[in-house]
PDB file of N, CA and C in Angstrom:
ATOM      1  N   MET A   1     145.941 123.736-151.321  1.00  0.00           N
ATOM      2  CA  MET A   1     147.120 124.456-151.715  1.00  0.00           C
ATOM      3  C   MET A   1     148.350 123.553-151.656  1.00  0.00           C
ATOM      4  N   GLY A   2     148.352 122.562-150.795  1.00  0.00           N
ATOM      5  CA  GLY A   2     149.500 121.674-150.672  1.00  0.00           C
ATOM      6  C   GLY A   2     149.782 120.928-151.959  1.00  0.00           C
ATOM      7  N   GLY A   3     148.715 120.541-152.672  1.00  0.00           N
ATOM      8  CA  GLY A   3     148.903 119.837-153.937  1.00  0.00           C
ATOM      9  C   GLY A   3     149.574 120.714-154.971  1.00  0.00           C
ATOM     10  N   ALA A   4     149.176 121.972-155.028  1.00  0.00           N
ATOM     11  CA  ALA A   4     149.777 122.901-155.977  1.00  0.00           C
ATOM     12  C   ALA A   4     151.256 123.120-155.662  1.00  0.00           C
ATOM     13  N   VAL A   5     151.603 123.193-154.375  1.00  0.00           N
ATOM     14  CA  VAL A   5     152.999 123.356-153.973  1.00  0.00           C
ATOM     15  C   VAL A   5     153.794 122.106-154.356  1.00  0.00           C
ATOM     16  N   ALA A   6     153.222 120.924-154.094  1.00  0.00           N
ATOM     17  CA  ALA A   6     153.904 119.670-154.441  1.00  0.00           C
ATOM     18  C   ALA A   6     154.130 119.564-155.946  1.00  0.00           C
ATOM     19  N   LEU A   7     153.131 119.938-156.737  1.00  0.00           N
ATOM     20  CA  LEU A   7     153.274 119.896-158.194  1.00  0.00           C
ATOM     21  C   LEU A   7     154.338 120.881-158.673  1.00  0.00           C
ATOM     22  N   ALA A   8     154.357 122.065-158.095  1.00  0.00           N
ATOM     23  CA  ALA A   8     155.362 123.065-158.481  1.00  0.00           C
ATOM     24  C   ALA A   8     156.764 122.565-158.145  1.00  0.00           C
ATOM     25  N   MET A   9     156.908 121.950-156.986  1.00  0.00           N
ATOM     26  CA  MET A   9     158.215 121.428-156.611  1.00  0.00           C
ATOM     27  C   MET A   9     158.635 120.295-157.546  1.00  0.00           C
ATOM     28  N   ALA A  10     157.707 119.425-157.870  1.00  0.00           N
ATOM     29  CA  ALA A  10     158.022 118.315-158.778  1.00  0.00           C
ATOM     30  C   ALA A  10     158.414 118.834-160.156  1.00  0.00           C
ATOM     31  N   ALA A  11     157.790 119.915-160.596  1.00  0.00           N
ATOM     32  CA  ALA A  11     158.097 120.470-161.908  1.00  0.00           C
ATOM     33  C   ALA A  11     159.458 121.162-161.924  1.00  0.00           C
ATOM     34  N   THR A  12     159.810 121.797-160.817  1.00  0.00           N
ATOM     35  CA  THR A  12     161.072 122.544-160.782  1.00  0.00           C
ATOM     36  C   THR A  12     162.252 121.719-160.276  1.00  0.00           C
ATOM     37  N   ARG A  13     161.978 120.705-159.448  1.00  0.00           N
ATOM     38  CA  ARG A  13     163.058 119.867-158.902  1.00  0.00           C
ATOM     39  C   ARG A  13     162.672 118.391-158.968  1.00  0.00           C
ATOM     40  N   PRO A  14     162.486 117.847-160.155  1.00  0.00           N
ATOM     41  CA  PRO A  14     162.008 116.462-160.283  1.00  0.00           C
ATOM     42  C   PRO A  14     162.907 115.432-159.614  1.00  0.00           C
ATOM     43  N   ALA A  15     164.199 115.692-159.527  1.00  0.00           N
ATOM     44  CA  ALA A  15     165.113 114.733-158.890  1.00  0.00           C
ATOM     45  C   ALA A  15     164.856 114.618-157.385  1.00  0.00           C
ATOM     46  N   ALA A  16     164.231 115.620-156.804  1.00  0.00           N
ATOM     47  CA  ALA A  16     163.972 115.619-155.359  1.00  0.00           C
ATOM     48  C   ALA A  16     162.677 114.882-154.999  1.00  0.00           C
ATOM     49  N   ILE A  17     161.899 114.501-155.995  1.00  0.00           N
ATOM     50  CA  ILE A  17     160.587 113.901-155.753  1.00  0.00           C
ATOM     51  C   ILE A  17     160.557 112.465-156.267  1.00  0.00           C
ATOM     52  N   ARG A  18     160.142 111.540-155.410  1.00  0.00           N
ATOM     53  CA  ARG A  18     159.953 110.160-155.862  1.00  0.00           C
ATOM     54  C   ARG A  18     158.494 109.896-156.175  1.00  0.00           C
ATOM     55  N   ARG A  19     157.599 110.379-155.310  1.00  0.00           N
ATOM     56  CA  ARG A  19     156.167 110.130-155.479  1.00  0.00           C
ATOM     57  C   ARG A  19     155.376 111.325-154.966  1.00  0.00           C
ATOM     58  N   ILE A  20     154.196 111.474-155.555  1.00  0.00           N
ATOM     59  CA  ILE A  20     153.256 112.490-155.069  1.00  0.00           C
ATOM     60  C   ILE A  20     151.888 111.825-155.024  1.00  0.00           C
ATOM     61  N   VAL A  21     151.184 112.005-153.943  1.00  0.00           N
ATOM     62  CA  VAL A  21     149.809 111.533-153.836  1.00  0.00           C
ATOM     63  C   VAL A  21     148.935 112.783-153.753  1.00  0.00           C
ATOM     64  N   LEU A  22     148.063 112.934-154.733  1.00  0.00           N
ATOM     65  CA  LEU A  22     147.188 114.109-154.784  1.00  0.00           C
ATOM     66  C   LEU A  22     145.732 113.660-154.721  1.00  0.00           C
ATOM     67  N   MET A  23     144.931 114.458-154.061  1.00  0.00           N
ATOM     68  CA  MET A  23     143.501 114.186-153.995  1.00  0.00           C
ATOM     69  C   MET A  23     142.750 115.467-154.312  1.00  0.00           C
ATOM     70  N   GLY A  24     142.157 115.541-155.496  1.00  0.00           N
ATOM     71  CA  GLY A  24     141.385 116.722-155.869  1.00  0.00           C
ATOM     72  C   GLY A  24     142.193 117.993-155.827  1.00  0.00           C
ATOM     73  N   SER A  25     143.428 117.906-156.226  1.00  0.00           N
ATOM     74  CA  SER A  25     144.352 119.015-156.090  1.00  0.00           C
ATOM     75  C   SER A  25     144.184 120.059-157.185  1.00  0.00           C
ATOM     76  N   MET A  26     144.427 121.293-156.813  1.00  0.00           N
ATOM     77  CA  MET A  26     144.449 122.358-157.813  1.00  0.00           C
ATOM     78  C   MET A  26     145.639 122.119-158.728  1.00  0.00           C
ATOM     79  N   GLY A  27     145.471 122.441-159.971  1.00  0.00           N
ATOM     80  CA  GLY A  27     146.563 122.276-160.916  1.00  0.00           C
ATOM     81  C   GLY A  27     146.496 120.972-161.673  1.00  0.00           C
ATOM     82  N   VAL A  28     145.546 120.130-161.331  1.00  0.00           N
ATOM     83  CA  VAL A  28     145.366 118.854-162.009  1.00  0.00           C
ATOM     84  C   VAL A  28     143.959 118.842-162.589  1.00  0.00           C
ATOM     85  N   ALA A  29     143.860 118.642-163.902  1.00  0.00           N
ATOM     86  CA  ALA A  29     142.528 118.588-164.518  1.00  0.00           C
ATOM     87  C   ALA A  29     141.811 117.340-164.033  1.00  0.00           C
ATOM     88  N   MET A  30     140.570 117.493-163.618  1.00  0.00           N
ATOM     89  CA  MET A  30     139.775 116.357-163.162  1.00  0.00           C
ATOM     90  C   MET A  30     138.301 116.665-163.349  1.00  0.00           C
ATOM     91  N   ALA A  31     137.535 115.616-163.522  1.00  0.00           N
ATOM     92  CA  ALA A  31     136.084 115.786-163.619  1.00  0.00           C
ATOM     93  C   ALA A  31     135.564 116.168-162.231  1.00  0.00           C
ATOM     94  N   LEU A  32     134.536 116.967-162.202  1.00  0.00           N
ATOM     95  CA  LEU A  32     133.937 117.376-160.939  1.00  0.00           C
ATOM     96  C   LEU A  32     133.158 116.197-160.369  1.00  0.00           C
ATOM     97  N   PRO A  33     133.580 115.661-159.204  1.00  0.00           N
ATOM     98  CA  PRO A  33     132.856 114.531-158.616  1.00  0.00           C
ATOM     99  C   PRO A  33     131.434 114.938-158.248  1.00  0.00           C
ATOM    100  N   PRO A  34     130.476 114.018-158.366  1.00  0.00           N
ATOM    101  CA  PRO A  34     129.081 114.356-158.061  1.00  0.00           C
ATOM    102  C   PRO A  34     128.891 114.911-156.653  1.00  0.00           C
ATOM    103  N   GLY A  35     129.602 114.371-155.672  1.00  0.00           N
ATOM    104  CA  GLY A  35     129.466 114.862-154.302  1.00  0.00           C
ATOM    105  C   GLY A  35     129.918 116.296-154.153  1.00  0.00           C
ATOM    106  N   LEU A  36     131.038 116.633-154.790  1.00  0.00           N
ATOM    107  CA  LEU A  36     131.541 117.999-154.722  1.00  0.00           C
ATOM    108  C   LEU A  36     130.593 118.947-155.449  1.00  0.00           C
ATOM    109  N   ASP A  37     130.046 118.484-156.544  1.00  0.00           N
ATOM    110  CA  ASP A  37     129.060 119.289-157.275  1.00  0.00           C
ATOM    111  C   ASP A  37     127.849 119.568-156.385  1.00  0.00           C
ATOM    112  N   ALA A  38     127.426 118.565-155.616  1.00  0.00           N
ATOM    113  CA  ALA A  38     126.282 118.744-154.714  1.00  0.00           C
ATOM    114  C   ALA A  38     126.598 119.738-153.602  1.00  0.00           C
ATOM    115  N   VAL A  39     127.814 119.658-153.058  1.00  0.00           N
ATOM    116  CA  VAL A  39     128.205 120.591-151.992  1.00  0.00           C
ATOM    117  C   VAL A  39     128.278 122.010-152.539  1.00  0.00           C
ATOM    118  N   TRP A  40     128.934 122.167-153.680  1.00  0.00           N
ATOM    119  CA  TRP A  40     129.063 123.503-154.271  1.00  0.00           C
ATOM    120  C   TRP A  40     127.717 124.060-154.703  1.00  0.00           C
ATOM    121  N   GLY A  41     126.796 123.191-155.068  1.00  0.00           N
ATOM    122  CA  GLY A  41     125.490 123.646-155.539  1.00  0.00           C
ATOM    123  C   GLY A  41     124.446 123.765-154.448  1.00  0.00           C
ATOM    124  N   TYR A  42     124.844 123.558-153.196  1.00  0.00           N
ATOM    125  CA  TYR A  42     123.887 123.599-152.079  1.00  0.00           C
ATOM    126  C   TYR A  42     123.164 124.933-152.024  1.00  0.00           C
ATOM    127  N   ARG A  43     121.868 124.836-151.877  1.00  0.00           N
ATOM    128  CA  ARG A  43     121.022 125.994-151.592  1.00  0.00           C
ATOM    129  C   ARG A  43     120.236 125.638-150.343  1.00  0.00           C
ATOM    130  N   PRO A  44     120.130 126.561-149.391  1.00  0.00           N
ATOM    131  CA  PRO A  44     119.504 126.235-148.110  1.00  0.00           C
ATOM    132  C   PRO A  44     118.147 125.543-148.235  1.00  0.00           C
ATOM    133  N   GLY A  45     118.059 124.416-147.564  1.00  0.00           N
ATOM    134  CA  GLY A  45     116.848 123.612-147.487  1.00  0.00           C
ATOM    135  C   GLY A  45     117.131 122.452-146.550  1.00  0.00           C
ATOM    136  N   VAL A  46     116.136 122.016-145.802  1.00  0.00           N
ATOM    137  CA  VAL A  46     116.353 120.955-144.817  1.00  0.00           C
ATOM    138  C   VAL A  46     116.806 119.668-145.497  1.00  0.00           C
ATOM    139  N   GLU A  47     116.101 119.238-146.530  1.00  0.00           N
ATOM    140  CA  GLU A  47     116.475 117.987-147.198  1.00  0.00           C
ATOM    141  C   GLU A  47     117.796 118.129-147.959  1.00  0.00           C
ATOM    142  N   ALA A  48     118.041 119.305-148.522  1.00  0.00           N
ATOM    143  CA  ALA A  48     119.320 119.546-149.199  1.00  0.00           C
ATOM    144  C   ALA A  48     120.465 119.450-148.192  1.00  0.00           C
ATOM    145  N   MET A  49     120.253 119.987-146.980  1.00  0.00           N
ATOM    146  CA  MET A  49     121.278 119.907-145.943  1.00  0.00           C
ATOM    147  C   MET A  49     121.486 118.458-145.519  1.00  0.00           C
ATOM    148  N   ARG A  50     120.415 117.690-145.414  1.00  0.00           N
ATOM    149  CA  ARG A  50     120.532 116.278-145.052  1.00  0.00           C
ATOM    150  C   ARG A  50     121.396 115.541-146.089  1.00  0.00           C
ATOM    151  N   GLU A  51     121.182 115.842-147.360  1.00  0.00           N
ATOM    152  CA  GLU A  51     121.970 115.207-148.420  1.00  0.00           C
ATOM    153  C   GLU A  51     123.445 115.597-148.333  1.00  0.00           C
ATOM    154  N   VAL A  52     123.715 116.872-148.103  1.00  0.00           N
ATOM    155  CA  VAL A  52     125.109 117.334-148.014  1.00  0.00           C
ATOM    156  C   VAL A  52     125.801 116.696-146.814  1.00  0.00           C
ATOM    157  N   ILE A  53     125.149 116.681-145.665  1.00  0.00           N
ATOM    158  CA  ILE A  53     125.746 116.055-144.487  1.00  0.00           C
ATOM    159  C   ILE A  53     126.001 114.577-144.764  1.00  0.00           C
ATOM    160  N   GLY A  54     125.082 113.939-145.482  1.00  0.00           N
ATOM    161  CA  GLY A  54     125.233 112.524-145.810  1.00  0.00           C
ATOM    162  C   GLY A  54     126.463 112.233-146.648  1.00  0.00           C
ATOM    163  N   LEU A  55     126.919 113.204-147.410  1.00  0.00           N
ATOM    164  CA  LEU A  55     128.125 113.025-148.215  1.00  0.00           C
ATOM    165  C   LEU A  55     129.378 112.889-147.345  1.00  0.00           C
ATOM    166  N   PHE A  56     129.327 113.460-146.147  1.00  0.00           N
ATOM    167  CA  PHE A  56     130.496 113.482-145.278  1.00  0.00           C
ATOM    168  C   PHE A  56     130.434 112.459-144.148  1.00  0.00           C
ATOM    169  N   ALA A  57     129.277 111.910-143.884  1.00  0.00           N
ATOM    170  CA  ALA A  57     129.108 111.028-142.723  1.00  0.00           C
ATOM    171  C   ALA A  57     129.394 109.572-143.075  1.00  0.00           C
ATOM    172  N   TYR A  58     130.331 108.992-142.369  1.00  0.00           N
ATOM    173  CA  TYR A  58     130.594 107.562-142.538  1.00  0.00           C
ATOM    174  C   TYR A  58     129.461 106.769-141.884  1.00  0.00           C
ATOM    175  N   ASP A  59     129.050 107.208-140.695  1.00  0.00           N
ATOM    176  CA  ASP A  59     127.969 106.557-139.962  1.00  0.00           C
ATOM    177  C   ASP A  59     126.722 107.420-140.075  1.00  0.00           C
ATOM    178  N   ARG A  60     125.841 107.051-140.964  1.00  0.00           N
ATOM    179  CA  ARG A  60     124.650 107.869-141.217  1.00  0.00           C
ATOM    180  C   ARG A  60     123.675 107.904-140.041  1.00  0.00           C
ATOM    181  N   SER A  61     123.854 106.998-139.083  1.00  0.00           N
ATOM    182  CA  SER A  61     122.979 107.034-137.907  1.00  0.00           C
ATOM    183  C   SER A  61     123.245 108.285-137.064  1.00  0.00           C
ATOM    184  N   LEU A  62     124.377 108.944-137.307  1.00  0.00           N
ATOM    185  CA  LEU A  62     124.699 110.171-136.586  1.00  0.00           C
ATOM    186  C   LEU A  62     123.991 111.397-137.159  1.00  0.00           C
ATOM    187  N   ILE A  63     123.359 111.231-138.309  1.00  0.00           N
ATOM    188  CA  ILE A  63     122.662 112.353-138.946  1.00  0.00           C
ATOM    189  C   ILE A  63     121.249 112.425-138.368  1.00  0.00           C
ATOM    190  N   THR A  64     121.128 113.135-137.288  1.00  0.00           N
ATOM    191  CA  THR A  64     119.837 113.267-136.619  1.00  0.00           C
ATOM    192  C   THR A  64     119.068 114.451-137.187  1.00  0.00           C
ATOM    193  N   ASP A  65     117.771 114.452-136.926  1.00  0.00           N
ATOM    194  CA  ASP A  65     116.948 115.590-137.347  1.00  0.00           C
ATOM    195  C   ASP A  65     117.440 116.880-136.698  1.00  0.00           C
ATOM    196  N   ASP A  66     117.868 116.787-135.422  1.00  0.00           N
ATOM    197  CA  ASP A  66     118.372 117.977-134.724  1.00  0.00           C
ATOM    198  C   ASP A  66     119.643 118.507-135.389  1.00  0.00           C
ATOM    199  N   LEU A  67     120.549 117.613-135.781  1.00  0.00           N
ATOM    200  CA  LEU A  67     121.778 118.035-136.454  1.00  0.00           C
ATOM    201  C   LEU A  67     121.452 118.706-137.788  1.00  0.00           C
ATOM    202  N   VAL A  68     120.584 118.085-138.555  1.00  0.00           N
ATOM    203  CA  VAL A  68     120.210 118.651-139.855  1.00  0.00           C
ATOM    204  C   VAL A  68     119.569 120.017-139.679  1.00  0.00           C
ATOM    205  N   ARG A  69     118.673 120.134-138.737  1.00  0.00           N
ATOM    206  CA  ARG A  69     117.988 121.411-138.490  1.00  0.00           C
ATOM    207  C   ARG A  69     118.998 122.479-138.055  1.00  0.00           C
ATOM    208  N   MET A  70     119.934 122.129-137.158  1.00  0.00           N
ATOM    209  CA  MET A  70     120.928 123.086-136.681  1.00  0.00           C
ATOM    210  C   MET A  70     121.802 123.581-137.839  1.00  0.00           C
ATOM    211  N   ARG A  71     122.297 122.665-138.664  1.00  0.00           N
ATOM    212  CA  ARG A  71     123.150 123.040-139.791  1.00  0.00           C
ATOM    213  C   ARG A  71     122.356 123.832-140.834  1.00  0.00           C
ATOM    214  N   TYR A  72     121.111 123.435-141.064  1.00  0.00           N
ATOM    215  CA  TYR A  72     120.258 124.159-142.005  1.00  0.00           C
ATOM    216  C   TYR A  72     120.050 125.598-141.525  1.00  0.00           C
ATOM    217  N   GLU A  73     119.726 125.761-140.250  1.00  0.00           N
ATOM    218  CA  GLU A  73     119.501 127.111-139.709  1.00  0.00           C
ATOM    219  C   GLU A  73     120.757 127.966-139.868  1.00  0.00           C
ATOM    220  N   ALA A  74     121.924 127.389-139.631  1.00  0.00           N
ATOM    221  CA  ALA A  74     123.175 128.134-139.799  1.00  0.00           C
ATOM    222  C   ALA A  74     123.360 128.544-141.263  1.00  0.00           C
ATOM    223  N   SER A  75     122.926 127.689-142.194  1.00  0.00           N
ATOM    224  CA  SER A  75     123.107 128.002-143.614  1.00  0.00           C
ATOM    225  C   SER A  75     122.125 129.057-144.115  1.00  0.00           C
ATOM    226  N   ARG A  76     121.116 129.367-143.320  1.00  0.00           N
ATOM    227  CA  ARG A  76     120.118 130.366-143.734  1.00  0.00           C
ATOM    228  C   ARG A  76     120.563 131.796-143.495  1.00  0.00           C
ATOM    229  N   ASN A  77     121.613 132.008-142.717  1.00  0.00           N
ATOM    230  CA  ASN A  77     122.116 133.350-142.468  1.00  0.00           C
ATOM    231  C   ASN A  77     122.830 133.809-143.739  1.00  0.00           C
ATOM    232  N   PRO A  78     122.247 134.756-144.483  1.00  0.00           N
ATOM    233  CA  PRO A  78     122.803 135.134-145.786  1.00  0.00           C
ATOM    234  C   PRO A  78     124.266 135.559-145.753  1.00  0.00           C
ATOM    235  N   ALA A  79     124.665 136.329-144.755  1.00  0.00           N
ATOM    236  CA  ALA A  79     126.057 136.805-144.706  1.00  0.00           C
ATOM    237  C   ALA A  79     127.009 135.632-144.508  1.00  0.00           C
ATOM    238  N   GLU A  80     126.695 134.765-143.547  1.00  0.00           N
ATOM    239  CA  GLU A  80     127.559 133.608-143.293  1.00  0.00           C
ATOM    240  C   GLU A  80     127.560 132.661-144.482  1.00  0.00           C
ATOM    241  N   PHE A  81     126.387 132.443-145.065  1.00  0.00           N
ATOM    242  CA  PHE A  81     126.272 131.527-146.200  1.00  0.00           C
ATOM    243  C   PHE A  81     127.137 132.011-147.364  1.00  0.00           C
ATOM    244  N   LEU A  82     127.051 133.288-147.694  1.00  0.00           N
ATOM    245  CA  LEU A  82     127.832 133.814-148.813  1.00  0.00           C
ATOM    246  C   LEU A  82     129.326 133.807-148.515  1.00  0.00           C
ATOM    247  N   ASP A  83     129.708 134.093-147.277  1.00  0.00           N
ATOM    248  CA  ASP A  83     131.132 134.046-146.917  1.00  0.00           C
ATOM    249  C   ASP A  83     131.718 132.664-147.171  1.00  0.00           C
ATOM    250  N   VAL A  84     130.944 131.635-146.870  1.00  0.00           N
ATOM    251  CA  VAL A  84     131.427 130.267-147.028  1.00  0.00           C
ATOM    252  C   VAL A  84     131.317 129.798-148.468  1.00  0.00           C
ATOM    253  N   VAL A  85     130.217 130.119-149.131  1.00  0.00           N
ATOM    254  CA  VAL A  85     129.909 129.534-150.434  1.00  0.00           C
ATOM    255  C   VAL A  85     130.520 130.287-151.611  1.00  0.00           C
ATOM    256  N   GLU A  86     130.672 131.579-151.522  1.00  0.00           N
ATOM    257  CA  GLU A  86     131.113 132.384-152.658  1.00  0.00           C
ATOM    258  C   GLU A  86     132.399 131.882-153.322  1.00  0.00           C
ATOM    259  N   PRO A  87     133.452 131.569-152.561  1.00  0.00           N
ATOM    260  CA  PRO A  87     134.667 131.074-153.219  1.00  0.00           C
ATOM    261  C   PRO A  87     134.425 129.757-153.971  1.00  0.00           C
ATOM    262  N   PHE A  88     133.553 128.908-153.422  1.00  0.00           N
ATOM    263  CA  PHE A  88     133.276 127.625-154.064  1.00  0.00           C
ATOM    264  C   PHE A  88     132.470 127.795-155.343  1.00  0.00           C
ATOM    265  N   LEU A  89     131.586 128.772-155.378  1.00  0.00           N
ATOM    266  CA  LEU A  89     130.792 129.007-156.588  1.00  0.00           C
ATOM    267  C   LEU A  89     131.691 129.382-157.756  1.00  0.00           C
ATOM    268  N   ALA A  90     132.681 130.224-157.502  1.00  0.00           N
ATOM    269  CA  ALA A  90     133.622 130.611-158.566  1.00  0.00           C
ATOM    270  C   ALA A  90     134.418 129.413-159.030  1.00  0.00           C
ATOM    271  N   ALA A  91     134.896 128.599-158.094  1.00  0.00           N
ATOM    272  CA  ALA A  91     135.672 127.405-158.458  1.00  0.00           C
ATOM    273  C   ALA A  91     134.811 126.421-159.224  1.00  0.00           C
ATOM    274  N   ALA A  92     133.575 126.254-158.816  1.00  0.00           N
ATOM    275  CA  ALA A  92     132.672 125.320-159.514  1.00  0.00           C
ATOM    276  C   ALA A  92     132.418 125.797-160.937  1.00  0.00           C
ATOM    277  N   SER A  93     132.222 127.088-161.113  1.00  0.00           N
ATOM    278  CA  SER A  93     131.996 127.632-162.462  1.00  0.00           C
ATOM    279  C   SER A  93     133.197 127.398-163.351  1.00  0.00           C
ATOM    280  N   GLN A  94     134.392 127.617-162.822  1.00  0.00           N
ATOM    281  CA  GLN A  94     135.614 127.397-163.605  1.00  0.00           C
ATOM    282  C   GLN A  94     135.794 125.934-163.948  1.00  0.00           C
ATOM    283  N   THR A  95     135.511 125.047-163.004  1.00  0.00           N
ATOM    284  CA  THR A  95     135.663 123.613-163.248  1.00  0.00           C
ATOM    285  C   THR A  95     134.685 123.132-164.295  1.00  0.00           C
ATOM    286  N   LYS A  96     133.426 123.570-164.173  1.00  0.00           N
ATOM    287  CA  LYS A  96     132.413 123.155-165.148  1.00  0.00           C
ATOM    288  C   LYS A  96     132.731 123.705-166.532  1.00  0.00           C
ATOM    289  N   ALA A  97     133.257 124.926-166.610  1.00  0.00           N
ATOM    290  CA  ALA A  97     133.615 125.507-167.903  1.00  0.00           C
ATOM    291  C   ALA A  97     134.753 124.729-168.539  1.00  0.00           C
ATOM    292  N   ALA A  98     135.708 124.290-167.722  1.00  0.00           N
ATOM    293  CA  ALA A  98     136.848 123.524-168.242  1.00  0.00           C
ATOM    294  C   ALA A  98     136.408 122.143-168.746  1.00  0.00           C
ATOM    295  N   GLU A  99     135.358 121.576-168.125  1.00  0.00           N
ATOM    296  CA  GLU A  99     134.866 120.268-168.536  1.00  0.00           C
ATOM    297  C   GLU A  99     134.097 120.337-169.844  1.00  0.00           C
ATOM    298  N   ALA A 100     133.530 121.487-170.157  1.00  0.00           N
ATOM    299  CA  ALA A 100     132.672 121.616-171.343  1.00  0.00           C
ATOM    300  C   ALA A 100     133.467 121.582-172.634  1.00  0.00           C
TER     301      ALA A 100
END
């Protein structure tokens, strides 16, 4: 949301802004990065969870079987999974439609 606020301010008060640094901000057309596509497309599975965790880990030696199993088990709870994933599914659909 910060990127959208910064863009709105720059559009309405350009003299007040010298620079803006945005990263994947709403309001800016961008191709869907492969990593984000993988996160948004996650479906519960041990190896799928290992791949998603790998997208965020700088030190992959920290990705233990126990960590993967714990995160996978948490993602199997349908109510929790949908609460977290549902907003991203809508955003992913809109982004992919805009790219087409």
